[in-house]
Every structure is written in structure tokens, then in C-alpha cells.
C-alpha atoms as a PDB file:
ATOM      1  CA  MET A   1      36.931 -19.550  18.405  1.00  0.00           C
ATOM      2  CA  ALA A   2      38.421 -20.047  14.978  1.00  0.00           C
ATOM      3  CA  LYS A   3      38.889 -17.135  12.600  1.00  0.00           C
ATOM      4  CA  PHE A   4      37.225 -17.532   9.237  1.00  0.00           C
ATOM      5  CA  ASP A   5      38.487 -16.131   5.954  1.00  0.00           C
ATOM      6  CA  LYS A   6      35.829 -13.772   4.536  1.00  0.00           C
ATOM      7  CA  GLN A   7      36.664 -14.759   0.951  1.00  0.00           C
ATOM      8  CA  ILE A   8      36.017 -18.432   1.681  1.00  0.00           C
ATOM      9  CA  LEU A   9      32.767 -17.615   3.501  1.00  0.00           C
ATOM     10  CA  ALA A  10      31.646 -15.358   0.643  1.00  0.00           C
ATOM     11  CA  LYS A  11      32.511 -18.073  -1.909  1.00  0.00           C
ATOM     12  CA  TYR A  12      30.051 -20.445  -0.255  1.00  0.00           C
ATOM     13  CA  GLY A  13      27.370 -17.805   0.280  1.00  0.00           C
ATOM     14  CA  PHE A  14      27.673 -17.438   4.036  1.00  0.00           C
ATOM     15  CA  LEU A  15      28.164 -13.661   4.056  1.00  0.00           C
ATOM     16  CA  GLY A  16      25.618 -10.978   3.488  1.00  0.00           C
ATOM     17  CA  GLY A  17      21.926 -11.155   2.829  1.00  0.00           C
ATOM     18  CA  ARG A  18      19.993 -11.683  -0.323  1.00  0.00           C
ATOM     19  CA  PRO A  19      21.083 -10.073  -3.565  1.00  0.00           C
ATOM     20  CA  LYS A  20      19.429  -6.782  -4.457  1.00  0.00           C
ATOM     21  CA  SER A  21      15.982  -7.111  -5.994  1.00  0.00           C
ATOM     22  CA  PHE A  22      16.633  -4.125  -8.254  1.00  0.00           C
ATOM     23  CA  LYS A  23      20.103  -3.198  -9.414  1.00  0.00           C
ATOM     24  CA  SER A  24      19.018   0.315 -10.400  1.00  0.00           C
ATOM     25  CA  PRO A  25      16.036   2.683 -10.280  1.00  0.00           C
ATOM     26  CA  LYS A  26      15.629   2.083 -14.028  1.00  0.00           C
ATOM     27  CA  GLU A  27      15.145  -1.648 -13.400  1.00  0.00           C
ATOM     28  CA  MET A  28      12.551  -0.924 -10.681  1.00  0.00           C
ATOM     29  CA  LEU A  29      10.775   1.528 -13.000  1.00  0.00           C
ATOM     30  CA  GLY A  30      10.610  -1.162 -15.679  1.00  0.00           C
ATOM     31  CA  LYS A  31       8.999  -3.588 -13.223  1.00  0.00           C
ATOM     32  CA  MET A  32       6.496  -0.919 -12.138  1.00  0.00           C
ATOM     33  CA  ALA A  33       5.580  -0.200 -15.774  1.00  0.00           C
ATOM     34  CA  GLU A  34       5.181  -3.933 -16.441  1.00  0.00           C
ATOM     35  CA  PHE A  35       2.920  -4.259 -13.386  1.00  0.00           C
ATOM     36  CA  LEU A  36       0.740  -1.271 -14.328  1.00  0.00           C
ATOM     37  CA  ALA A  37       0.383  -2.603 -17.892  1.00  0.00           C
ATOM     38  CA  SER A  38      -0.718  -5.982 -16.501  1.00  0.00           C
ATOM     39  CA  THR A  39      -3.510  -4.344 -14.484  1.00  0.00           C
ATOM     40  CA  GLU A  40      -4.958  -2.561 -17.522  1.00  0.00           C
ATOM     41  CA  GLY A  41      -5.595  -5.590 -19.719  1.00  0.00           C
ATOM     42  CA  ARG A  42      -7.877  -7.463 -17.341  1.00  0.00           C
ATOM     43  CA  VAL A  43     -11.362  -8.515 -18.474  1.00  0.00           C
ATOM     44  CA  ARG A  44     -14.153  -9.848 -16.274  1.00  0.00           C
ATOM     45  CA  GLU A  45     -17.206 -11.928 -17.021  1.00  0.00           C
ATOM     46  CA  ILE A  46     -20.301 -10.446 -15.397  1.00  0.00           C
ATOM     47  CA  PRO A  47     -23.647 -12.258 -15.381  1.00  0.00           C
ATOM     48  CA  ASP A  48     -26.439 -10.258 -16.975  1.00  0.00           C
ATOM     49  CA  LYS A  49     -30.173 -10.233 -16.178  1.00  0.00           C
ATOM     50  CA  ASN A  50     -30.999 -12.703 -18.954  1.00  0.00           C
ATOM     51  CA  GLY A  51     -28.770 -15.456 -17.544  1.00  0.00           C
ATOM     52  CA  GLY A  52     -25.976 -14.793 -20.005  1.00  0.00           C
ATOM     53  CA  VAL A  53     -22.498 -13.497 -19.409  1.00  0.00           C
ATOM     54  CA  LYS A  54     -21.162 -10.126 -20.476  1.00  0.00           C
ATOM     55  CA  VAL A  55     -17.393  -9.646 -20.927  1.00  0.00           C
ATOM     56  CA  VAL A  56     -16.253  -6.271 -19.610  1.00  0.00           C
ATOM     57  CA  ALA A  57     -12.852  -4.599 -19.655  1.00  0.00           C
ATOM     58  CA  SER A  58     -12.095  -3.968 -15.995  1.00  0.00           C
ATOM     59  CA  PRO A  59      -8.644  -2.816 -14.913  1.00  0.00           C
ATOM     60  CA  ALA A  60      -7.362  -4.716 -11.881  1.00  0.00           C
ATOM     61  CA  PRO A  61      -7.012  -2.790  -8.634  1.00  0.00           C
ATOM     62  CA  VAL A  62      -3.646  -1.090  -8.231  1.00  0.00           C
ATOM     63  CA  THR A  63      -2.164  -1.747  -4.811  1.00  0.00           C
ATOM     64  CA  LEU A  64       1.286  -1.631  -3.314  1.00  0.00           C
ATOM     65  CA  GLU A  65       0.787  -5.193  -2.065  1.00  0.00           C
ATOM     66  CA  ASP A  66       0.009  -6.457  -5.575  1.00  0.00           C
ATOM     67  CA  PHE A  67       3.069  -4.712  -6.991  1.00  0.00           C
ATOM     68  CA  CYS A  68       5.305  -6.227  -4.305  1.00  0.00           C
ATOM     69  CA  CYS A  69       3.911  -9.696  -5.024  1.00  0.00           C
ATOM     70  CA  PHE A  70       4.383  -9.117  -8.780  1.00  0.00           C
ATOM     71  CA  ALA A  71       7.986  -7.966  -8.225  1.00  0.00           C
ATOM     72  CA  GLY A  72       8.796 -10.760  -5.772  1.00  0.00           C
ATOM     73  CA  ILE A  73       9.571  -8.434  -2.858  1.00  0.00           C
ATOM     74  CA  THR A  74       7.954  -7.672   0.485  1.00  0.00           C
ATOM     75  CA  LYS A  75       6.439  -4.343   1.454  1.00  0.00           C
ATOM     76  CA  THR A  76       9.306  -3.961   3.912  1.00  0.00           C
ATOM     77  CA  THR A  77      11.761  -4.270   1.033  1.00  0.00           C
ATOM     78  CA  PHE A  78       9.788  -1.663  -0.948  1.00  0.00           C
ATOM     79  CA  TYR A  79       9.942   0.759   1.990  1.00  0.00           C
ATOM     80  CA  GLU A  80      13.686   0.090   2.402  1.00  0.00           C
ATOM     81  CA  TYR A  81      14.204   1.027  -1.255  1.00  0.00           C
ATOM     82  CA  ALA A  82      12.113   4.167  -0.657  1.00  0.00           C
ATOM     83  CA  LYS A  83      14.644   5.269   1.985  1.00  0.00           C
ATOM     84  CA  LYS A  84      17.484   5.237  -0.558  1.00  0.00           C
ATOM     85  CA  PRO A  85      17.940   8.641  -2.207  1.00  0.00           C
ATOM     86  CA  GLU A  86      18.167   7.219  -5.736  1.00  0.00           C
ATOM     87  CA  TYR A  87      14.865   5.294  -5.339  1.00  0.00           C
ATOM     88  CA  LYS A  88      12.916   7.712  -3.114  1.00  0.00           C
ATOM     89  CA  ASN A  89      11.264   9.774  -5.878  1.00  0.00           C
ATOM     90  CA  LEU A  90      10.342   6.661  -7.852  1.00  0.00           C
ATOM     91  CA  CYS A  91       8.740   4.969  -4.823  1.00  0.00           C
ATOM     92  CA  ASP A  92       6.921   8.185  -3.865  1.00  0.00           C
ATOM     93  CA  ASN A  93       5.540   8.510  -7.402  1.00  0.00           C
ATOM     94  CA  PHE A  94       4.368   4.893  -7.387  1.00  0.00           C
ATOM     95  CA  ARG A  95       2.573   5.350  -4.056  1.00  0.00           C
ATOM     96  CA  GLN A  96       0.966   8.475  -5.525  1.00  0.00           C
ATOM     97  CA  ALA A  97      -0.221   6.442  -8.546  1.00  0.00           C
ATOM     98  CA  VAL A  98      -1.759   3.865  -6.180  1.00  0.00           C
ATOM     99  CA  GLU A  99      -3.477   6.627  -4.214  1.00  0.00           C
ATOM    100  CA  ALA A 100      -4.771   8.229  -7.443  1.00  0.00           C
ATOM    101  CA  TYR A 101      -6.302   4.909  -8.480  1.00  0.00           C
ATOM    102  CA  TRP A 102      -8.270   4.688  -5.223  1.00  0.00           C
ATOM    103  CA  VAL A 103      -9.339   8.338  -5.425  1.00  0.00           C
ATOM    104  CA  ARG A 104     -10.771   7.601  -8.895  1.00  0.00           C
ATOM    105  CA  GLN A 105     -12.621   4.635  -7.402  1.00  0.00           C
ATOM    106  CA  CYS A 106     -14.184   6.929  -4.792  1.00  0.00           C
ATOM    107  CA  ALA A 107     -15.074   9.494  -7.447  1.00  0.00           C
ATOM    108  CA  GLU A 108     -16.818   6.866  -9.573  1.00  0.00           C
ATOM    109  CA  GLY A 109     -18.874   5.917  -6.532  1.00  0.00           C
ATOM    110  CA  ASN A 110     -19.256   2.232  -7.315  1.00  0.00           C
ATOM    111  CA  ALA A 111     -21.297   0.709  -4.531  1.00  0.00           C
ATOM    112  CA  GLY A 112     -19.312  -1.489  -2.202  1.00  0.00           C
ATOM    113  CA  ASN A 113     -15.885  -0.767  -3.680  1.00  0.00           C
ATOM    114  CA  LYS A 114     -14.407   0.115  -0.245  1.00  0.00           C
ATOM    115  CA  ALA A 115     -12.059   2.669  -1.824  1.00  0.00           C
ATOM    116  CA  ASP A 116     -12.671   5.156   0.990  1.00  0.00           C
ATOM    117  CA  PHE A 117     -11.735   2.500   3.566  1.00  0.00           C
ATOM    118  CA  ILE A 118      -8.510   1.742   1.693  1.00  0.00           C
ATOM    119  CA  LEU A 119      -7.598   5.443   1.437  1.00  0.00           C
ATOM    120  CA  LYS A 120      -8.166   5.982   5.163  1.00  0.00           C
ATOM    121  CA  ASN A 121      -6.090   2.956   6.120  1.00  0.00           C
ATOM    122  CA  SER A 122      -3.304   3.076   3.523  1.00  0.00           C
ATOM    123  CA  PHE A 123      -2.873   6.839   3.293  1.00  0.00           C
ATOM    124  CA  ALA A 124      -3.965   7.786   6.813  1.00  0.00           C
ATOM    125  CA  GLY A 125      -1.984  11.030   6.911  1.00  0.00           C
ATOM    126  CA  ASP A 126      -4.081  12.575   4.145  1.00  0.00           C
ATOM    127  CA  TRP A 127      -7.379  10.696   4.361  1.00  0.00           C
ATOM    128  CA  LYS A 128      -9.371  10.528   7.561  1.00  0.00           C
ATOM    129  CA  ASP A 129     -12.840  11.181   8.881  1.00  0.00           C
ATOM    130  CA  ASN A 130     -13.130  14.391  10.842  1.00  0.00           C
ATOM    131  CA  LYS A 131     -15.416  14.228  13.824  1.00  0.00           C
ATOM    132  CA  GLU A 132     -16.583  17.082  15.977  1.00  0.00           C
ATOM    133  CA  VAL A 133     -17.607  16.507  19.545  1.00  0.00           C
ATOM    134  CA  THR A 134     -19.485  19.160  21.449  1.00  0.00           C
ATOM    135  CA  LEU A 135     -19.626  18.842  25.202  1.00  0.00           C
ATOM    136  CA  ASN A 136     -22.218  20.755  27.118  1.00  0.00           C
ATOM    137  CA  ALA A 137     -21.734  21.223  30.828  1.00  0.00           C
ATOM    138  CA  VAL A 138     -24.234  19.288  32.892  1.00  0.00           C
ATOM    139  CA  GLU A 139     -24.515  20.239  36.534  1.00  0.00           C
ATOM    140  CA  GLY A 140     -23.502  17.522  38.956  1.00  0.00           C
ATOM    141  CA  ILE A 141     -21.188  15.566  36.635  1.00  0.00           C
ATOM    142  CA  ASN A 142     -17.425  15.834  36.948  1.00  0.00           C
ATOM    143  CA  ILE A 143     -15.114  14.399  34.322  1.00  0.00           C
ATOM    144  CA  LYS A 144     -11.534  13.549  35.158  1.00  0.00           C
ATOM    145  CA  VAL A 145      -8.882  12.503  32.675  1.00  0.00           C
ATOM    146  CA  ILE A 146      -6.794   9.664  34.072  1.00  0.00           C
ATOM    147  CA  ASP A 147      -4.051   8.067  31.948  1.00  0.00           C
ATOM    148  CA  GLY A 148      -5.588   9.449  28.769  1.00  0.00           C
ATOM    149  CA  GLN A 149      -9.015   7.935  29.459  1.00  0.00           C
ATOM    150  CA  ASN A 150     -12.222   9.612  30.580  1.00  0.00           C
ATOM    151  CA  SER A 151     -13.969   8.473  33.722  1.00  0.00           C
ATOM    152  CA  GLY A 152     -17.080   9.947  35.255  1.00  0.00           C
ATOM    153  CA  ASP A 153     -17.561  10.535  38.997  1.00  0.00           C
END
């Protein structure tokens, strides 16, 4: 097998992956600020009862997926940046801002906004339904646990 000169390979773009999406945390912060500003200026047209249309200021939902699309990165790339010490705090703060948005949606209680579903699925460590199960012994029924599943005899 022939040996290749790394400088020649690099010259033609055969070494390494893609260039960094953000050269510094400051650049990423600027993109986050630009994204958040873009969500605030949204207006929606809502039909009223008289057949007309009412224009309402309605901030766009704030999601990690929308930010990644806006920034031209994948969620995987975002999470890779979050592992780097210089980006960790910034990424944590952004995720907290996203979570705060959805908590406000729950607090406002708009019917059908699915904010509670999003909190439970996107921030599962902090948001979950607690369920209590009470078992009463019934004579004549034995329950065995096999491979983590219940089966009755």
C-alpha cells in the first residue's frame, strides 16, 4: 500500500471532517441570540367569529431542534459542543431557556399546546408522571417475576 503525504491529502480536503460550526462560544452565543430574537417577532393570523382575520403577536415555539436547524447543525453536533468545557455552560443555559419556555406554556394552560408532553419527553429526568400502585394480597393468586415481567400462576 502506498504511503500518502498528509500535506497533499489535506490540500485536497481528504483529511479530517467538516470545519467547526462555531469557532468560539461567543460565536455560538451570537447565533443563539439571533435565533431567540427571530422567535419573538412572529405574528399569526387567527380567524375570528365574524369571518374576519385578527393579527396576533405570537412568539414561535423555542425548541432545541429549531435552533439546530437555524444554526445549520444537527442535535448530535449540539450535544458534542455541550461536552466541551468551553461550551458546556452555554449549551446548558440554552437548554434551560428551552425548558423555561415550555414551563411557561404549561403555566398558561392553553388547551392542546402539548407542553407537558414535550417536557416529559425532552426533559425526562426532571419531568415525569408519578404513579402509585397498591397491591392487595388476594388468596389463591401467586405472582412470580420472571425476566423483569410479571406472570400470574
